[in-house]
Amino acid sequence: MSPSELRSRRAAREPNDISGSIALSLWSLECVALRLAYEAWVGATGARRATAHAAYLGALEREQRAADGYAETLRRRGDPGPATARRAAARESAARGRCG
């Protein structure tokens, strides 16, 4: 294979690699936000507890969308097995207020 063919193949993969990195970064950020929202909810008392719970539920939804986006990126790259496993692990962790 010639060097130009190798460069062409590499260039064809880069958008997927970049989109996967972006999706993973977004999911990681949402994981941090979810953890912080969970900690705020657990530590809240009185009238603030209901507001903190609502914020946690919003963070949980955003994290799930980010996890779904990451899983979809991996599926488009032809990597369905690990994406499914990561998604299931993300759901279980999120239920405990953690990600990944």
N, C-alpha and C. Protein backbone atom coordinates (compact mmCIF):
# COMPACT_ATOMS: atom_id res chain seq x y z
N MET A 1 0.85 -1.18 0.00
CA MET A 1 0.00 0.00 0.00
C MET A 1 0.90 1.24 0.00
N SER A 2 0.56 2.18 -0.83
CA SER A 2 1.38 3.39 -0.96
C SER A 2 1.14 4.33 0.21
N PRO A 3 2.06 5.24 0.47
CA PRO A 3 1.87 6.23 1.54
C PRO A 3 0.62 7.08 1.35
N SER A 4 0.30 7.42 0.11
CA SER A 4 -0.90 8.24 -0.11
C SER A 4 -2.17 7.44 0.21
N GLU A 5 -2.17 6.15 -0.07
CA GLU A 5 -3.32 5.31 0.27
C GLU A 5 -3.48 5.22 1.79
N LEU A 6 -2.37 5.09 2.47
CA LEU A 6 -2.42 5.05 3.94
C LEU A 6 -2.97 6.36 4.50
N ARG A 7 -2.52 7.49 3.95
CA ARG A 7 -3.03 8.79 4.40
C ARG A 7 -4.52 8.92 4.15
N SER A 8 -4.99 8.42 2.99
CA SER A 8 -6.41 8.49 2.66
C SER A 8 -7.24 7.67 3.64
N ARG A 9 -6.77 6.50 3.96
CA ARG A 9 -7.49 5.66 4.93
C ARG A 9 -7.51 6.31 6.31
N ARG A 10 -6.39 6.86 6.69
CA ARG A 10 -6.30 7.53 8.00
C ARG A 10 -7.24 8.73 8.05
N ALA A 11 -7.27 9.52 6.99
CA ALA A 11 -8.14 10.70 6.94
C ALA A 11 -9.60 10.29 6.98
N ALA A 12 -9.92 9.15 6.38
CA ALA A 12 -11.32 8.68 6.39
C ALA A 12 -11.75 8.28 7.80
N ARG A 13 -10.81 7.83 8.62
CA ARG A 13 -11.14 7.43 10.00
C ARG A 13 -11.20 8.61 10.95
N GLU A 14 -10.49 9.66 10.69
CA GLU A 14 -10.36 10.76 11.65
C GLU A 14 -11.69 11.39 12.07
N PRO A 15 -12.64 11.64 11.15
CA PRO A 15 -13.90 12.22 11.63
C PRO A 15 -14.58 11.36 12.68
N ASN A 16 -14.54 10.03 12.50
CA ASN A 16 -15.12 9.14 13.49
C ASN A 16 -14.35 9.21 14.80
N ASP A 17 -13.05 9.25 14.72
CA ASP A 17 -12.24 9.33 15.93
C ASP A 17 -12.53 10.63 16.66
N ILE A 18 -12.67 11.72 15.93
CA ILE A 18 -12.95 13.01 16.54
C ILE A 18 -14.35 13.02 17.13
N SER A 19 -15.33 12.52 16.40
CA SER A 19 -16.70 12.52 16.92
C SER A 19 -16.80 11.62 18.14
N GLY A 20 -16.08 10.51 18.15
CA GLY A 20 -16.07 9.64 19.32
C GLY A 20 -15.45 10.32 20.52
N SER A 21 -14.37 11.05 20.30
CA SER A 21 -13.73 11.79 21.40
C SER A 21 -14.63 12.88 21.94
N ILE A 22 -15.31 13.56 21.05
CA ILE A 22 -16.23 14.62 21.48
C ILE A 22 -17.38 14.02 22.27
N ALA A 23 -17.97 12.95 21.75
CA ALA A 23 -19.09 12.31 22.44
C ALA A 23 -18.67 11.79 23.81
N LEU A 24 -17.48 11.21 23.90
CA LEU A 24 -16.99 10.73 25.18
C LEU A 24 -16.75 11.89 26.14
N SER A 25 -16.20 12.98 25.64
CA SER A 25 -15.97 14.17 26.48
C SER A 25 -17.28 14.74 27.00
N LEU A 26 -18.29 14.82 26.13
CA LEU A 26 -19.59 15.33 26.56
C LEU A 26 -20.20 14.43 27.63
N TRP A 27 -20.09 13.13 27.43
CA TRP A 27 -20.62 12.20 28.42
C TRP A 27 -19.88 12.36 29.75
N SER A 28 -18.56 12.50 29.67
CA SER A 28 -17.76 12.68 30.89
C SER A 28 -18.18 13.94 31.65
N LEU A 29 -18.41 15.02 30.91
CA LEU A 29 -18.85 16.27 31.56
C LEU A 29 -20.22 16.10 32.21
N GLU A 30 -21.11 15.41 31.53
CA GLU A 30 -22.43 15.18 32.10
C GLU A 30 -22.35 14.26 33.32
N CYS A 31 -21.39 13.35 33.31
CA CYS A 31 -21.18 12.49 34.48
C CYS A 31 -20.77 13.30 35.69
N VAL A 32 -19.90 14.25 35.49
CA VAL A 32 -19.47 15.12 36.59
C VAL A 32 -20.66 15.93 37.10
N ALA A 33 -21.43 16.49 36.17
CA ALA A 33 -22.61 17.27 36.57
C ALA A 33 -23.61 16.40 37.32
N LEU A 34 -23.77 15.16 36.89
CA LEU A 34 -24.68 14.24 37.56
C LEU A 34 -24.21 13.94 38.97
N ARG A 35 -22.93 13.68 39.12
CA ARG A 35 -22.38 13.39 40.45
C ARG A 35 -22.58 14.57 41.39
N LEU A 36 -22.32 15.78 40.89
CA LEU A 36 -22.49 16.97 41.72
C LEU A 36 -23.96 17.17 42.10
N ALA A 37 -24.86 16.93 41.14
CA ALA A 37 -26.28 17.07 41.43
C ALA A 37 -26.73 16.03 42.45
N TYR A 38 -26.21 14.83 42.34
CA TYR A 38 -26.55 13.77 43.29
C TYR A 38 -26.06 14.14 44.69
N GLU A 39 -24.84 14.60 44.78
CA GLU A 39 -24.29 14.99 46.08
C GLU A 39 -25.08 16.13 46.69
N ALA A 40 -25.50 17.08 45.86
CA ALA A 40 -26.32 18.20 46.36
C ALA A 40 -27.67 17.70 46.87
N TRP A 41 -28.25 16.76 46.15
CA TRP A 41 -29.54 16.21 46.54
C TRP A 41 -29.42 15.45 47.87
N VAL A 42 -28.40 14.60 47.98
CA VAL A 42 -28.20 13.81 49.20
C VAL A 42 -27.95 14.72 50.40
N GLY A 43 -27.24 15.81 50.17
CA GLY A 43 -26.91 16.72 51.27
C GLY A 43 -27.97 17.77 51.56
N ALA A 44 -28.99 17.85 50.74
CA ALA A 44 -30.02 18.88 50.91
C ALA A 44 -30.99 18.52 52.04
N THR A 45 -31.49 19.54 52.67
CA THR A 45 -32.48 19.34 53.72
C THR A 45 -33.63 20.32 53.51
N GLY A 46 -34.73 20.01 54.14
CA GLY A 46 -35.88 20.91 54.12
C GLY A 46 -36.40 21.18 52.72
N ALA A 47 -36.74 22.43 52.50
CA ALA A 47 -37.34 22.85 51.22
C ALA A 47 -36.38 22.69 50.05
N ARG A 48 -35.10 22.72 50.31
CA ARG A 48 -34.11 22.59 49.22
C ARG A 48 -34.01 21.17 48.67
N ARG A 49 -34.47 20.21 49.44
CA ARG A 49 -34.37 18.81 49.00
C ARG A 49 -35.18 18.57 47.72
N ALA A 50 -36.38 19.09 47.63
CA ALA A 50 -37.21 18.90 46.43
C ALA A 50 -36.57 19.56 45.22
N THR A 51 -36.03 20.75 45.39
CA THR A 51 -35.37 21.44 44.29
C THR A 51 -34.12 20.69 43.85
N ALA A 52 -33.37 20.19 44.82
CA ALA A 52 -32.15 19.43 44.51
C ALA A 52 -32.50 18.13 43.80
N HIS A 53 -33.60 17.51 44.18
CA HIS A 53 -34.02 16.28 43.51
C HIS A 53 -34.40 16.57 42.05
N ALA A 54 -35.11 17.65 41.83
CA ALA A 54 -35.48 18.03 40.46
C ALA A 54 -34.22 18.30 39.62
N ALA A 55 -33.24 18.95 40.22
CA ALA A 55 -31.98 19.22 39.51
C ALA A 55 -31.26 17.91 39.20
N TYR A 56 -31.30 16.97 40.14
CA TYR A 56 -30.69 15.66 39.91
C TYR A 56 -31.37 14.94 38.75
N LEU A 57 -32.69 14.95 38.72
CA LEU A 57 -33.42 14.29 37.63
C LEU A 57 -33.07 14.91 36.27
N GLY A 58 -32.93 16.24 36.24
CA GLY A 58 -32.53 16.91 35.00
C GLY A 58 -31.13 16.49 34.58
N ALA A 59 -30.22 16.41 35.56
CA ALA A 59 -28.85 15.98 35.26
C ALA A 59 -28.84 14.53 34.78
N LEU A 60 -29.69 13.71 35.36
CA LEU A 60 -29.77 12.31 34.96
C LEU A 60 -30.24 12.19 33.50
N GLU A 61 -31.21 12.99 33.12
CA GLU A 61 -31.68 12.99 31.73
C GLU A 61 -30.58 13.44 30.77
N ARG A 62 -29.87 14.51 31.14
CA ARG A 62 -28.79 15.00 30.27
C ARG A 62 -27.68 13.98 30.14
N GLU A 63 -27.35 13.31 31.24
CA GLU A 63 -26.30 12.29 31.19
C GLU A 63 -26.74 11.13 30.31
N GLN A 64 -28.02 10.75 30.40
CA GLN A 64 -28.52 9.65 29.57
C GLN A 64 -28.46 10.01 28.09
N ARG A 65 -28.82 11.24 27.76
CA ARG A 65 -28.74 11.67 26.35
C ARG A 65 -27.29 11.65 25.87
N ALA A 66 -26.37 12.08 26.74
CA ALA A 66 -24.96 12.06 26.35
C ALA A 66 -24.45 10.63 26.20
N ALA A 67 -24.88 9.73 27.09
CA ALA A 67 -24.49 8.32 26.98
C ALA A 67 -25.05 7.71 25.71
N ASP A 68 -26.30 8.05 25.39
CA ASP A 68 -26.91 7.55 24.16
C ASP A 68 -26.16 8.07 22.94
N GLY A 69 -25.76 9.34 22.98
CA GLY A 69 -25.00 9.92 21.87
C GLY A 69 -23.66 9.23 21.69
N TYR A 70 -23.00 8.93 22.79
CA TYR A 70 -21.72 8.23 22.73
C TYR A 70 -21.92 6.82 22.18
N ALA A 71 -22.96 6.13 22.67
CA ALA A 71 -23.24 4.78 22.20
C ALA A 71 -23.55 4.78 20.70
N GLU A 72 -24.31 5.78 20.25
CA GLU A 72 -24.64 5.88 18.83
C GLU A 72 -23.38 6.12 17.99
N THR A 73 -22.49 6.94 18.49
CA THR A 73 -21.22 7.19 17.79
C THR A 73 -20.43 5.89 17.65
N LEU A 74 -20.39 5.11 18.72
CA LEU A 74 -19.67 3.84 18.66
C LEU A 74 -20.36 2.86 17.70
N ARG A 75 -21.69 2.84 17.70
CA ARG A 75 -22.41 1.96 16.77
C ARG A 75 -22.11 2.33 15.32
N ARG A 76 -22.08 3.64 15.04
CA ARG A 76 -21.78 4.08 13.67
C ARG A 76 -20.38 3.66 13.26
N ARG A 77 -19.49 3.55 14.23
CA ARG A 77 -18.12 3.12 13.95
C ARG A 77 -18.02 1.60 13.86
N GLY A 78 -19.14 0.90 14.08
CA GLY A 78 -19.13 -0.55 14.00
C GLY A 78 -18.69 -1.22 15.28
N ASP A 79 -18.99 -0.62 16.43
CA ASP A 79 -18.55 -1.13 17.72
C ASP A 79 -19.76 -1.30 18.64
N PRO A 80 -20.74 -2.16 18.28
CA PRO A 80 -21.98 -2.25 19.05
C PRO A 80 -21.84 -2.93 20.40
N GLY A 81 -21.00 -3.93 20.52
CA GLY A 81 -20.89 -4.68 21.77
C GLY A 81 -20.47 -3.81 22.94
N PRO A 82 -19.31 -3.19 22.87
CA PRO A 82 -18.89 -2.34 23.99
C PRO A 82 -19.84 -1.18 24.24
N ALA A 83 -20.44 -0.65 23.20
CA ALA A 83 -21.37 0.47 23.40
C ALA A 83 -22.55 0.02 24.24
N THR A 84 -23.06 -1.17 23.96
CA THR A 84 -24.19 -1.69 24.72
C THR A 84 -23.77 -1.93 26.17
N ALA A 85 -22.61 -2.49 26.37
CA ALA A 85 -22.12 -2.74 27.72
C ALA A 85 -21.89 -1.43 28.47
N ARG A 86 -21.31 -0.44 27.80
CA ARG A 86 -21.06 0.85 28.45
C ARG A 86 -22.37 1.52 28.82
N ARG A 87 -23.34 1.41 27.94
CA ARG A 87 -24.63 2.05 28.19
C ARG A 87 -25.32 1.42 29.40
N ALA A 88 -25.27 0.09 29.49
CA ALA A 88 -25.86 -0.59 30.64
C ALA A 88 -25.12 -0.21 31.92
N ALA A 89 -23.80 -0.15 31.85
CA ALA A 89 -23.02 0.25 33.02
C ALA A 89 -23.32 1.68 33.41
N ALA A 90 -23.53 2.54 32.43
CA ALA A 90 -23.84 3.94 32.71
C ALA A 90 -25.17 4.05 33.43
N ARG A 91 -26.16 3.28 33.00
CA ARG A 91 -27.47 3.31 33.66
C ARG A 91 -27.36 2.87 35.11
N GLU A 92 -26.62 1.77 35.36
CA GLU A 92 -26.47 1.27 36.70
C GLU A 92 -25.72 2.28 37.59
N SER A 93 -24.67 2.87 37.05
CA SER A 93 -23.90 3.85 37.81
C SER A 93 -24.71 5.09 38.08
N ALA A 94 -25.46 5.55 37.08
CA ALA A 94 -26.27 6.75 37.24
C ALA A 94 -27.32 6.56 38.32
N ALA A 95 -27.82 5.34 38.45
CA ALA A 95 -28.81 5.07 39.49
C ALA A 95 -28.19 5.26 40.88
N ARG A 96 -26.89 5.15 40.95
CA ARG A 96 -26.18 5.35 42.23
C ARG A 96 -25.57 6.76 42.29
N GLY A 97 -25.85 7.58 41.29
CA GLY A 97 -25.32 8.94 41.29
C GLY A 97 -23.92 9.04 40.74
N ARG A 98 -23.48 8.00 40.02
CA ARG A 98 -22.15 8.01 39.44
C ARG A 98 -22.24 7.64 37.97
N CYS A 99 -21.18 7.89 37.25
CA CYS A 99 -21.13 7.51 35.84
C CYS A 99 -19.97 6.54 35.62
N GLY A 100 -20.12 5.78 34.53
CA GLY A 100 -19.03 4.93 34.05
C GLY A 100 -18.54 3.98 34.98
